[in-house]
């Protein structure tokens, strides 16, 4: 057996080469260890037969340089690139998961809502790439969307990307008349001349990808390149399964229109349409029998609303943050209209098999209370060993009525209550960490062991405990949605708007 030339290298740049993990048209990918970052990484090598082709090696390194200029939660990060001993390489973020194509092949078609969420995330990534570095991908397909272990989609493989920057255009990276891409997902114009393809070509390919994950196969299939070309140019994809709502089918058809002028003209318009066909959980899913492990249920329609077949594994969890008497009207730290969320949460919670409550649970002499600091008043700020701390009125003292859940909160199937802030010396906003930012509550481990990767959050207050919980969940690589109608904020000196800005920048979905 021939020895692996890259494993024989041992090291490249600052990385140790450990094992092969995959390959594509231009490159071979290995698992590695970055010595300086002390981090497992992916190392992508340009195939040996392409090294002597200046156009290929230049395009390969250009992929790295373009990607390195981008920072987005749904784009695979690039750490380094270079050439050593005739070997061209890129050091990338290692995704410990599988591609979207592999996931569909192994588990079957995705639920409609999940497919739309992934499509919206990739649309946002493509919009970011176009706005920040003037990039068009040109090879969007399920195998180029990698899914992290917690279910976050990441856009990969910019090897066929085209820069639309004015200076880059002068270098003519894509020669006129050249064809690049994967036929089953390519728009008609890319078959003719890839140099003419703009961002609307990526919108087409993203539509073909959405079709694939809902149907279980590409929109066009054939035994040869030319057979697929004819179908793409002249034909229509087979009908999608009956459970896909008509509104979703219409979005896909517009994304995949034959003429670029008939497609969505920008990502803002596309994202708005994707959001419009998504629903809050109580609008898209029928009641879930708690503890049920049935692979699917019969399709049904109720007052015109689709009830989707159940997923083989329920990976969603609703986290209800601090719906306690002291945070509601007449409470010690009342959030304006805090009690208005209770009926919303009661309704939403019935659509989840998994519901977790958090509960502030303070000692009477807690250091976050102004009363514990003579001469200090509520909302003043002090320094504690872990950093700045806002002083609060005494609230949610353990075993008092103020710490109890609101009497109208009706979440009988709650499976876990996370109490936080019970350490006298440390306040706690987040459901995941105390305010020293290093003491865990144990919630992350619980969610991971149960396979609950999609986190939905409601509760009080939006700009403190909800925002801290959402941001920590994103940093822990969960998919996070904050349901705005189920939240209310305090808004101290603009804190509410700032919290939403920070959450959206971190990739939290605002629903």
Protein backbone atom coordinates (compact mmCIF):
# COMPACT_ATOMS: atom_id res chain seq x y z
CA UNK A 1 0.00 0.00 0.00
CA UNK A 2 1.36 3.40 -0.96
CA UNK A 3 2.28 5.57 2.00
CA UNK A 4 0.33 8.77 2.58
CA UNK A 5 2.58 11.62 1.43
CA UNK A 6 0.90 14.15 3.71
CA UNK A 7 1.05 11.99 6.85
CA UNK A 8 4.72 11.47 6.11
CA UNK A 9 5.24 15.22 6.37
CA UNK A 10 4.34 15.05 10.06
CA UNK A 11 3.94 18.81 10.34
CA UNK A 12 3.04 21.68 8.04
CA UNK A 13 3.37 25.27 9.15
CA UNK A 14 2.36 25.40 12.81
CA UNK A 15 0.29 22.22 12.65
CA UNK A 16 0.77 18.51 13.23
CA UNK A 17 -0.95 16.34 10.59
CA UNK A 18 -2.96 13.57 12.27
CA UNK A 19 -5.32 11.70 9.92
CA UNK A 20 -7.22 12.04 6.62
CA UNK A 21 -10.89 12.99 7.01
CA UNK A 22 -12.20 13.80 3.52
CA UNK A 23 -11.57 15.10 0.03
CA UNK A 24 -13.10 17.30 -2.66
CA UNK A 25 -12.48 18.29 -6.24
CA UNK A 26 -9.49 20.53 -5.52
CA UNK A 27 -8.24 19.33 -2.16
CA UNK A 28 -7.71 16.60 0.43
CA UNK A 29 -8.56 17.35 4.07
CA UNK A 30 -6.74 16.08 7.16
CA UNK A 31 -7.34 16.41 10.85
CA UNK A 32 -4.54 18.29 12.55
CA UNK A 33 -3.44 19.98 15.74
CA UNK A 34 -2.41 23.64 15.77
CA UNK A 35 0.56 23.91 18.14
CA UNK A 36 0.23 27.63 18.94
CA UNK A 37 -3.57 27.67 19.29
CA UNK A 38 -3.65 24.27 21.09
CA UNK A 39 -6.64 23.45 18.93
CA UNK A 40 -7.76 20.63 16.66
CA UNK A 41 -8.07 21.94 13.10
CA UNK A 42 -8.76 20.82 9.55
CA UNK A 43 -5.84 21.06 7.09
CA UNK A 44 -6.77 21.21 3.43
CA UNK A 45 -4.09 20.40 0.84
CA UNK A 46 -4.29 21.26 -2.85
CA UNK A 47 -4.21 18.04 -4.87
CA UNK A 48 -0.71 17.25 -6.13
CA UNK A 49 -1.64 17.25 -9.82
CA UNK A 50 -2.97 20.83 -9.47
CA UNK A 51 0.08 22.25 -7.69
CA UNK A 52 1.92 22.98 -10.94
CA UNK A 53 -1.09 24.80 -12.40
CA UNK A 54 -0.68 28.47 -11.41
CA UNK A 55 -4.40 29.12 -11.84
CA UNK A 56 -5.32 26.30 -9.44
CA UNK A 57 -2.76 27.14 -6.77
CA UNK A 58 -3.63 30.83 -6.93
CA UNK A 59 -7.34 30.06 -6.64
CA UNK A 60 -6.64 27.72 -3.72
CA UNK A 61 -4.79 30.35 -1.69
CA UNK A 62 -7.28 33.00 -2.74
CA UNK A 63 -10.00 30.89 -1.10
CA UNK A 64 -8.10 31.08 2.17
CA UNK A 65 -7.37 34.79 1.98
CA UNK A 66 -10.96 35.66 1.17
CA UNK A 67 -12.37 33.43 3.90
CA UNK A 68 -9.86 34.71 6.45
CA UNK A 69 -11.31 38.20 6.00
CA UNK A 70 -14.74 37.00 7.10
CA UNK A 71 -16.05 36.39 10.60
CA UNK A 72 -19.54 34.95 10.65
CA UNK A 73 -21.13 32.24 12.80
CA UNK A 74 -22.22 30.31 9.70
CA UNK A 75 -18.96 30.40 7.72
CA UNK A 76 -16.09 27.99 8.40
CA UNK A 77 -13.21 30.01 9.84
CA UNK A 78 -9.73 30.10 8.28
CA UNK A 79 -6.71 30.33 10.61
CA UNK A 80 -3.74 30.14 8.24
CA UNK A 81 -2.57 29.26 4.75
CA UNK A 82 0.67 28.92 2.84
CA UNK A 83 3.06 26.80 0.83
CA UNK A 84 5.77 24.53 2.19
CA UNK A 85 7.97 22.18 0.19
CA UNK A 86 5.66 22.44 -2.80
CA UNK A 87 2.55 21.67 -0.73
CA UNK A 88 -0.21 24.29 -0.69
CA UNK A 89 -2.38 24.17 2.41
CA UNK A 90 -5.16 25.96 4.31
CA UNK A 91 -5.76 25.59 8.06
CA UNK A 92 -9.47 25.71 8.86
CA UNK A 93 -11.91 25.38 11.72
CA UNK A 94 -12.57 21.69 12.36
CA UNK A 95 -16.26 20.82 12.19
CA UNK A 96 -16.94 17.73 14.29
CA UNK A 97 -20.14 16.77 12.54
CA UNK A 98 -21.24 15.81 9.07
CA UNK A 99 -22.29 17.54 5.90
CA UNK A 100 -25.92 18.37 5.29
CA UNK A 101 -25.85 15.86 2.41
CA UNK A 102 -24.64 13.09 4.73
CA UNK A 103 -27.22 14.03 7.34
CA UNK A 104 -30.09 13.76 4.85
CA UNK A 105 -28.72 10.49 3.48
CA UNK A 106 -28.49 9.00 6.97
CA UNK A 107 -31.60 10.43 8.63
CA UNK A 108 -33.97 11.28 5.80
CA UNK A 109 -35.56 14.56 4.81
CA UNK A 110 -35.55 17.44 7.27
CA UNK A 111 -38.65 18.90 8.91
CA UNK A 112 -39.78 21.98 6.98
CA UNK A 113 -39.05 24.44 9.77
CA UNK A 114 -35.56 23.07 10.31
CA UNK A 115 -34.79 23.19 6.58
CA UNK A 116 -35.91 26.82 6.42
CA UNK A 117 -33.77 27.76 9.43
CA UNK A 118 -30.66 26.26 7.84
CA UNK A 119 -31.43 27.96 4.51
CA UNK A 120 -31.89 31.33 6.22
CA UNK A 121 -28.59 30.90 8.11
CA UNK A 122 -26.69 30.15 4.89
CA UNK A 123 -28.43 33.04 3.11
CA UNK A 124 -27.19 35.34 5.88
CA UNK A 125 -23.68 33.91 5.48
CA UNK A 126 -23.74 34.48 1.71
CA UNK A 127 -25.05 38.00 2.20
CA UNK A 128 -22.22 38.68 4.66
CA UNK A 129 -19.63 37.29 2.24
CA UNK A 130 -20.96 39.45 -0.58
CA UNK A 131 -21.16 42.63 1.50
CA UNK A 132 -17.88 42.25 3.39
CA UNK A 133 -15.50 40.91 0.73
CA UNK A 134 -17.53 40.94 -2.49
CA UNK A 135 -17.71 37.15 -2.74
CA UNK A 136 -19.94 34.87 -4.80
CA UNK A 137 -19.66 31.19 -3.80
CA UNK A 138 -20.74 29.39 -7.05
CA UNK A 139 -20.89 25.92 -5.51
CA UNK A 140 -23.68 25.92 -2.94
CA UNK A 141 -24.88 22.36 -2.33
CA UNK A 142 -25.68 20.14 0.65
CA UNK A 143 -22.16 18.67 0.81
CA UNK A 144 -20.69 22.18 1.19
CA UNK A 145 -22.83 22.94 4.22
CA UNK A 146 -21.29 21.35 7.30
CA UNK A 147 -23.33 20.70 10.43
CA UNK A 148 -21.68 21.01 13.83
CA UNK A 149 -22.36 18.46 16.55
CA UNK A 150 -24.94 20.86 18.02
CA UNK A 151 -26.68 21.37 14.67
CA UNK A 152 -25.25 24.71 13.55
CA UNK A 153 -24.80 25.03 9.75
CA UNK A 154 -21.44 26.25 8.45
CA UNK A 155 -20.75 27.27 4.85
CA UNK A 156 -17.57 25.65 3.52
CA UNK A 157 -15.45 25.29 0.39
CA UNK A 158 -14.88 28.62 -1.31
CA UNK A 159 -12.64 26.97 -3.89
CA UNK A 160 -14.87 28.05 -6.81
CA UNK A 161 -15.71 31.45 -5.34
CA UNK A 162 -15.54 34.56 -7.48
CA UNK A 163 -14.67 38.00 -6.17
CA UNK A 164 -16.78 40.87 -7.45
CA UNK A 165 -14.38 43.44 -6.07
CA UNK A 166 -13.37 45.91 -8.80
CA UNK A 167 -9.64 45.22 -8.47
CA UNK A 168 -10.16 41.48 -8.37
CA UNK A 169 -12.28 41.65 -11.50
CA UNK A 170 -9.33 43.12 -13.37
CA UNK A 171 -7.37 39.93 -12.77
CA UNK A 172 -10.13 37.83 -14.43
CA UNK A 173 -10.03 34.92 -11.98
CA UNK A 174 -12.75 33.23 -14.02
CA UNK A 175 -12.06 33.06 -17.70
CA UNK A 176 -14.97 33.74 -20.01
CA UNK A 177 -16.58 30.55 -21.27
CA UNK A 178 -15.37 28.49 -18.29
CA UNK A 179 -17.82 26.25 -16.43
CA UNK A 180 -17.46 25.61 -12.69
CA UNK A 181 -19.81 24.11 -10.12
CA UNK A 182 -21.88 21.00 -9.43
CA UNK A 183 -24.43 20.40 -12.24
CA UNK A 184 -27.39 19.26 -10.12
CA UNK A 185 -27.35 22.57 -8.21
CA UNK A 186 -26.08 24.99 -10.87
CA UNK A 187 -28.25 27.73 -12.41
CA UNK A 188 -28.67 27.65 -16.21
CA UNK A 189 -26.37 30.62 -16.81
CA UNK A 190 -23.48 28.94 -14.97
CA UNK A 191 -23.50 26.08 -17.50
CA UNK A 192 -22.98 28.60 -20.29
CA UNK A 193 -20.34 30.89 -18.74
CA UNK A 194 -19.41 30.89 -15.06
CA UNK A 195 -17.85 34.35 -15.41
CA UNK A 196 -21.32 35.88 -15.84
CA UNK A 197 -22.77 34.34 -12.68
CA UNK A 198 -23.67 36.79 -9.91
CA UNK A 199 -25.16 36.37 -6.44
CA UNK A 200 -28.50 35.35 -7.95
CA UNK A 201 -26.76 32.16 -9.11
CA UNK A 202 -25.99 31.38 -5.46
CA UNK A 203 -29.65 32.05 -4.62
CA UNK A 204 -30.62 29.47 -7.27
CA UNK A 205 -28.17 26.90 -5.85
CA UNK A 206 -29.40 27.56 -2.32
CA UNK A 207 -32.95 26.94 -3.56
CA UNK A 208 -31.82 23.65 -5.12
CA UNK A 209 -30.22 22.74 -1.79
CA UNK A 210 -33.43 23.53 0.10
CA UNK A 211 -35.31 21.34 -2.42
CA UNK A 212 -32.85 18.49 -1.78
CA UNK A 213 -33.22 18.49 2.02
CA UNK A 214 -37.04 18.53 1.73
CA UNK A 215 -37.30 15.94 -1.07
CA UNK A 216 -34.33 13.71 -0.20
CA UNK A 217 -32.72 14.09 -3.64
CA UNK A 218 -31.46 16.86 -5.95
CA UNK A 219 -34.01 18.72 -8.08
CA UNK A 220 -32.43 17.36 -11.28
CA UNK A 221 -30.72 14.01 -11.79
CA UNK A 222 -29.24 12.36 -14.85
CA UNK A 223 -26.65 9.90 -16.06
CA UNK A 224 -24.51 12.56 -17.72
CA UNK A 225 -23.59 16.21 -17.50
CA UNK A 226 -25.54 17.00 -20.66
CA UNK A 227 -28.64 15.16 -19.49
CA UNK A 228 -28.69 17.28 -16.33
CA UNK A 229 -27.99 20.44 -18.36
CA UNK A 230 -31.05 19.79 -20.52
CA UNK A 231 -33.26 19.29 -17.47
CA UNK A 232 -31.95 22.43 -15.76
CA UNK A 233 -32.42 24.49 -18.93
CA UNK A 234 -35.82 23.19 -20.03
CA UNK A 235 -37.46 21.16 -17.30
CA UNK A 236 -39.04 21.58 -13.88
CA UNK A 237 -38.08 19.66 -10.73
CA UNK A 238 -40.41 16.82 -9.66
CA UNK A 239 -43.12 17.95 -7.20
CA UNK A 240 -42.05 18.24 -3.58
CA UNK A 241 -43.62 15.90 -0.99
CA UNK A 242 -47.19 16.76 0.00
CA UNK A 243 -46.23 17.79 3.52
CA UNK A 244 -44.25 20.81 2.22
CA UNK A 245 -46.59 23.83 2.44
CA UNK A 246 -47.48 25.60 -0.79
CA UNK A 247 -45.93 28.86 0.47
CA UNK A 248 -42.57 27.11 0.93
CA UNK A 249 -42.78 25.54 -2.52
CA UNK A 250 -43.40 28.97 -4.02
CA UNK A 251 -40.28 30.36 -2.34
CA UNK A 252 -38.19 27.50 -3.77
CA UNK A 253 -39.63 27.95 -7.26
CA UNK A 254 -38.74 31.63 -7.20
CA UNK A 255 -35.23 30.92 -5.92
CA UNK A 256 -34.81 28.42 -8.79
CA UNK A 257 -36.34 30.51 -11.58
CA UNK A 258 -34.61 29.91 -14.93
CA UNK A 259 -33.92 33.60 -15.54
CA UNK A 260 -31.87 35.50 -12.92
CA UNK A 261 -34.25 38.45 -13.23
CA UNK A 262 -37.14 36.29 -12.03
CA UNK A 263 -35.36 35.20 -8.84
CA UNK A 264 -34.99 37.09 -5.58
CA UNK A 265 -32.79 40.04 -6.45
CA UNK A 266 -30.98 40.30 -3.13
CA UNK A 267 -30.56 38.39 0.11
CA UNK A 268 -32.62 40.83 2.16
CA UNK A 269 -35.66 40.02 0.03
CA UNK A 270 -34.93 36.28 0.21
CA UNK A 271 -34.45 36.29 3.99
CA UNK A 272 -37.72 38.18 4.47
CA UNK A 273 -39.54 35.51 2.44
CA UNK A 274 -37.87 32.68 4.36
CA UNK A 275 -38.89 34.28 7.63
CA UNK A 276 -42.44 34.85 6.44
CA UNK A 277 -42.97 31.14 5.76
CA UNK A 278 -41.52 30.15 9.10
CA UNK A 279 -43.86 30.08 12.06
CA UNK A 280 -43.49 30.18 15.78
CA UNK A 281 -43.39 26.64 17.18
CA UNK A 282 -47.08 26.73 18.17
CA UNK A 283 -48.09 27.64 14.63
CA UNK A 284 -46.07 24.99 12.79
CA UNK A 285 -46.20 21.91 14.91
CA UNK A 286 -49.05 19.94 16.32
CA UNK A 287 -49.05 18.85 19.96
CA UNK A 288 -46.20 16.49 20.75
CA UNK A 289 -46.95 13.55 22.99
CA UNK A 290 -44.42 13.94 25.79
CA UNK A 291 -41.99 11.06 25.88
CA UNK A 292 -43.22 9.73 22.52
CA UNK A 293 -40.53 8.15 20.33
CA UNK A 294 -42.69 7.47 17.28
CA UNK A 295 -40.69 8.01 14.08
CA UNK A 296 -43.57 9.76 12.30
CA UNK A 297 -47.25 10.53 12.55
CA UNK A 298 -49.78 10.72 9.71
CA UNK A 299 -50.02 13.99 7.84
CA UNK A 300 -52.96 16.11 8.92
CA UNK A 301 -54.37 19.57 8.37
CA UNK A 302 -56.23 21.56 11.01
CA UNK A 303 -57.94 24.80 10.00
CA UNK A 304 -55.59 25.00 7.06
CA UNK A 305 -52.42 24.70 9.12
CA UNK A 306 -49.98 21.92 8.44
CA UNK A 307 -49.00 19.51 11.19
CA UNK A 308 -45.61 18.12 10.22
CA UNK A 309 -44.55 14.53 10.77
CA UNK A 310 -42.60 14.20 13.98
CA UNK A 311 -38.81 14.02 13.77
CA UNK A 312 -37.21 10.70 14.70
CA UNK A 313 -35.52 12.55 17.58
CA UNK A 314 -36.99 15.67 19.26
CA UNK A 315 -34.01 17.99 19.65
CA UNK A 316 -35.80 21.18 20.69
CA UNK A 317 -36.03 22.52 24.22
CA UNK A 318 -37.91 25.51 25.59
CA UNK A 319 -36.08 27.35 28.39
CA UNK A 320 -38.43 29.52 30.47
CA UNK A 321 -36.37 32.13 32.29
CA UNK A 322 -37.36 33.45 35.74
CA UNK A 323 -41.16 33.77 35.55
CA UNK A 324 -41.27 34.60 39.26
CA UNK A 325 -43.50 36.83 41.38
CA UNK A 326 -40.76 39.36 42.14
CA UNK A 327 -40.25 40.02 38.41
CA UNK A 328 -43.97 40.59 37.79
CA UNK A 329 -46.15 43.63 38.69
CA UNK A 330 -46.07 44.44 42.41
CA UNK A 331 -42.91 42.37 42.77
CA UNK A 332 -39.67 43.64 44.30
CA UNK A 333 -37.95 43.94 40.89
CA UNK A 334 -40.94 44.16 38.57
CA UNK A 335 -40.35 44.00 34.84
CA UNK A 336 -42.89 46.21 33.02
CA UNK A 337 -45.74 43.97 31.78
CA UNK A 338 -43.85 40.95 33.05
CA UNK A 339 -47.05 39.06 33.74
CA UNK A 340 -48.21 39.50 30.13
CA UNK A 341 -45.84 36.77 28.96
CA UNK A 342 -47.37 34.06 31.14
CA UNK A 343 -50.26 33.16 28.82
CA UNK A 344 -47.92 33.25 25.81
CA UNK A 345 -45.48 30.88 27.51
CA UNK A 346 -48.29 28.54 28.58
CA UNK A 347 -49.44 28.27 24.95
CA UNK A 348 -45.96 27.88 23.44
CA UNK A 349 -44.80 25.33 26.03
CA UNK A 350 -47.44 22.82 24.91
CA UNK A 351 -45.61 22.45 21.59
CA UNK A 352 -42.43 21.23 23.26
CA UNK A 353 -41.64 17.81 24.64
CA UNK A 354 -38.81 19.32 26.67
CA UNK A 355 -39.32 22.37 28.90
CA UNK A 356 -36.84 23.67 31.48
CA UNK A 357 -37.45 26.46 33.99
CA UNK A 358 -34.84 28.70 35.59
CA UNK A 359 -35.40 30.25 39.00
CA UNK A 360 -33.53 33.02 40.79
CA UNK A 361 -32.84 31.70 44.29
CA UNK A 362 -30.92 34.17 46.46
CA UNK A 363 -29.87 34.20 50.08
CA UNK A 364 -31.28 37.13 52.06
CA UNK A 365 -27.83 38.73 52.35
CA UNK A 366 -26.80 38.18 48.72
CA UNK A 367 -23.98 40.48 47.59
CA UNK A 368 -25.94 41.63 44.55
CA UNK A 369 -28.50 43.31 46.85
CA UNK A 370 -28.04 47.02 47.54
CA UNK A 371 -29.06 46.30 51.14
CA UNK A 372 -25.84 44.31 51.58
CA UNK A 373 -23.77 47.45 50.93
CA UNK A 374 -24.47 50.28 53.42
CA UNK A 375 -24.95 53.61 51.68
CA UNK A 376 -25.58 52.06 48.26
CA UNK A 377 -28.85 52.27 46.33
CA UNK A 378 -30.48 49.93 43.81
CA UNK A 379 -29.16 50.24 40.22
CA UNK A 380 -25.81 51.63 41.37
CA UNK A 381 -22.80 49.68 40.14
CA UNK A 382 -19.96 48.28 42.23
CA UNK A 383 -16.94 46.08 41.61
CA UNK A 384 -16.99 42.52 42.89
CA UNK A 385 -14.09 40.06 42.49
CA UNK A 386 -15.55 38.85 39.17
CA UNK A 387 -16.16 42.35 37.75
CA UNK A 388 -18.84 45.06 37.61
CA UNK A 389 -22.11 44.28 39.36
CA UNK A 390 -25.40 46.21 39.26
CA UNK A 391 -26.97 46.37 42.72
CA UNK A 392 -30.58 45.24 42.85
CA UNK A 393 -33.42 45.55 45.33
CA UNK A 394 -33.78 42.47 47.51
CA UNK A 395 -35.64 39.97 45.33
CA UNK A 396 -36.28 36.26 44.83
CA UNK A 397 -35.06 35.39 48.30
CA UNK A 398 -35.14 31.64 48.77
CA UNK A 399 -38.37 30.19 50.23
CA UNK A 400 -40.27 33.47 49.94
CA UNK A 401 -43.35 34.21 47.84
CA UNK A 402 -41.29 36.51 45.63
CA UNK A 403 -39.10 33.60 44.57
CA UNK A 404 -42.07 31.41 43.64
CA UNK A 405 -43.18 31.00 40.04
CA UNK A 406 -46.09 33.14 38.89
CA UNK A 407 -49.29 31.38 40.01
CA UNK A 408 -50.71 31.35 36.46
CA UNK A 409 -47.64 29.70 34.94
CA UNK A 410 -48.89 26.32 33.73
CA UNK A 411 -46.00 24.13 32.60
CA UNK A 412 -46.82 20.81 34.20
CA UNK A 413 -44.46 18.84 31.99
CA UNK A 414 -41.37 20.83 33.03
CA UNK A 415 -38.59 18.26 33.39
CA UNK A 416 -35.94 20.35 35.16
CA UNK A 417 -35.64 23.50 37.27
CA UNK A 418 -32.27 25.27 37.24
CA UNK A 419 -31.79 27.41 40.35
CA UNK A 420 -29.24 30.17 39.97
CA UNK A 421 -27.77 32.90 42.15
CA UNK A 422 -27.77 30.77 45.29
CA UNK A 423 -24.06 31.42 45.88
CA UNK A 424 -23.99 34.42 48.21
CA UNK A 425 -20.92 36.00 46.57
CA UNK A 426 -21.91 35.59 42.90
CA UNK A 427 -24.93 36.91 41.03
CA UNK A 428 -26.33 34.88 38.16
CA UNK A 429 -28.21 36.06 35.08
CA UNK A 430 -27.48 33.22 32.66
CA UNK A 431 -29.08 29.80 32.73
CA UNK A 432 -25.64 28.40 31.88
CA UNK A 433 -23.05 30.27 33.99
CA UNK A 434 -22.90 32.32 37.15
CA UNK A 435 -21.76 35.93 36.72
CA UNK A 436 -18.14 35.06 37.38
CA UNK A 437 -18.48 33.54 33.87
CA UNK A 438 -16.79 30.31 34.91
CA UNK A 439 -19.08 28.55 37.38
CA UNK A 440 -21.46 26.38 35.31
CA UNK A 441 -25.03 25.60 36.30
CA UNK A 442 -24.81 22.17 34.66
CA UNK A 443 -27.49 22.97 32.07
CA UNK A 444 -25.17 22.68 29.06
CA UNK A 445 -24.16 19.14 29.98
CA UNK A 446 -27.77 18.16 30.55
CA UNK A 447 -28.85 19.47 27.14
CA UNK A 448 -25.97 17.77 25.33
CA UNK A 449 -26.54 14.42 27.00
CA UNK A 450 -30.21 14.56 26.06
CA UNK A 451 -29.40 15.61 22.48
CA UNK A 452 -31.26 18.92 22.87
CA UNK A 453 -29.36 21.10 20.41
CA UNK A 454 -32.05 23.64 19.42
CA UNK A 455 -32.72 26.06 22.26
CA UNK A 456 -35.78 28.33 22.34
CA UNK A 457 -35.86 30.96 25.10
CA UNK A 458 -38.66 33.00 26.66
CA UNK A 459 -38.88 34.85 29.97
CA UNK A 460 -37.71 37.81 32.04
CA UNK A 461 -35.92 40.05 31.53
CA UNK A 462 -34.94 40.23 27.85
CA UNK A 463 -31.93 42.49 28.42
CA UNK A 464 -30.46 40.55 31.36
CA UNK A 465 -31.23 36.92 32.14
CA UNK A 466 -32.69 36.09 28.72
CA UNK A 467 -29.86 37.79 26.81
CA UNK A 468 -27.13 36.29 28.99
CA UNK A 469 -28.66 32.83 28.56
CA UNK A 470 -29.00 33.22 24.78
CA UNK A 471 -25.45 34.49 24.32
CA UNK A 472 -23.98 31.73 26.47
CA UNK A 473 -25.97 29.11 24.57
CA UNK A 474 -24.59 30.43 21.27
CA UNK A 475 -21.03 30.45 22.63
CA UNK A 476 -21.61 26.84 23.62
CA UNK A 477 -22.58 26.18 19.98
CA UNK A 478 -26.31 25.58 20.46
CA UNK A 479 -28.79 26.88 17.90
CA UNK A 480 -30.71 29.61 19.72
CA UNK A 481 -34.04 31.32 19.08
CA UNK A 482 -35.46 34.00 21.39
CA UNK A 483 -39.24 34.27 21.04
CA UNK A 484 -39.82 37.99 21.47
CA UNK A 485 -43.52 37.76 22.30
CA UNK A 486 -42.64 35.60 25.30
CA UNK A 487 -40.19 38.12 26.76
CA UNK A 488 -40.20 41.56 28.39
CA UNK A 489 -37.25 43.82 29.22
CA UNK A 490 -36.21 46.24 31.95
CA UNK A 491 -34.37 48.65 29.59
CA UNK A 492 -31.87 50.46 31.79
CA UNK A 493 -30.21 53.25 29.76
CA UNK A 494 -30.78 51.53 26.41
CA UNK A 495 -29.93 48.04 27.64
CA UNK A 496 -32.81 46.42 25.74
CA UNK A 497 -31.74 47.60 22.28
CA UNK A 498 -28.11 46.82 23.10
CA UNK A 499 -29.04 43.29 24.18
CA UNK A 500 -30.92 42.61 20.93
CA UNK A 501 -28.01 43.96 18.88
CA UNK A 502 -25.56 41.72 20.72
CA UNK A 503 -27.77 38.65 20.43
CA UNK A 504 -28.35 39.13 16.70
CA UNK A 505 -24.62 39.69 16.12
CA UNK A 506 -23.95 36.39 17.89
CA UNK A 507 -26.34 34.54 15.57
CA UNK A 508 -29.33 34.34 17.89
CA UNK A 509 -32.55 34.05 15.90
CA UNK A 510 -35.17 36.68 16.83
CA UNK A 511 -38.63 35.20 16.34
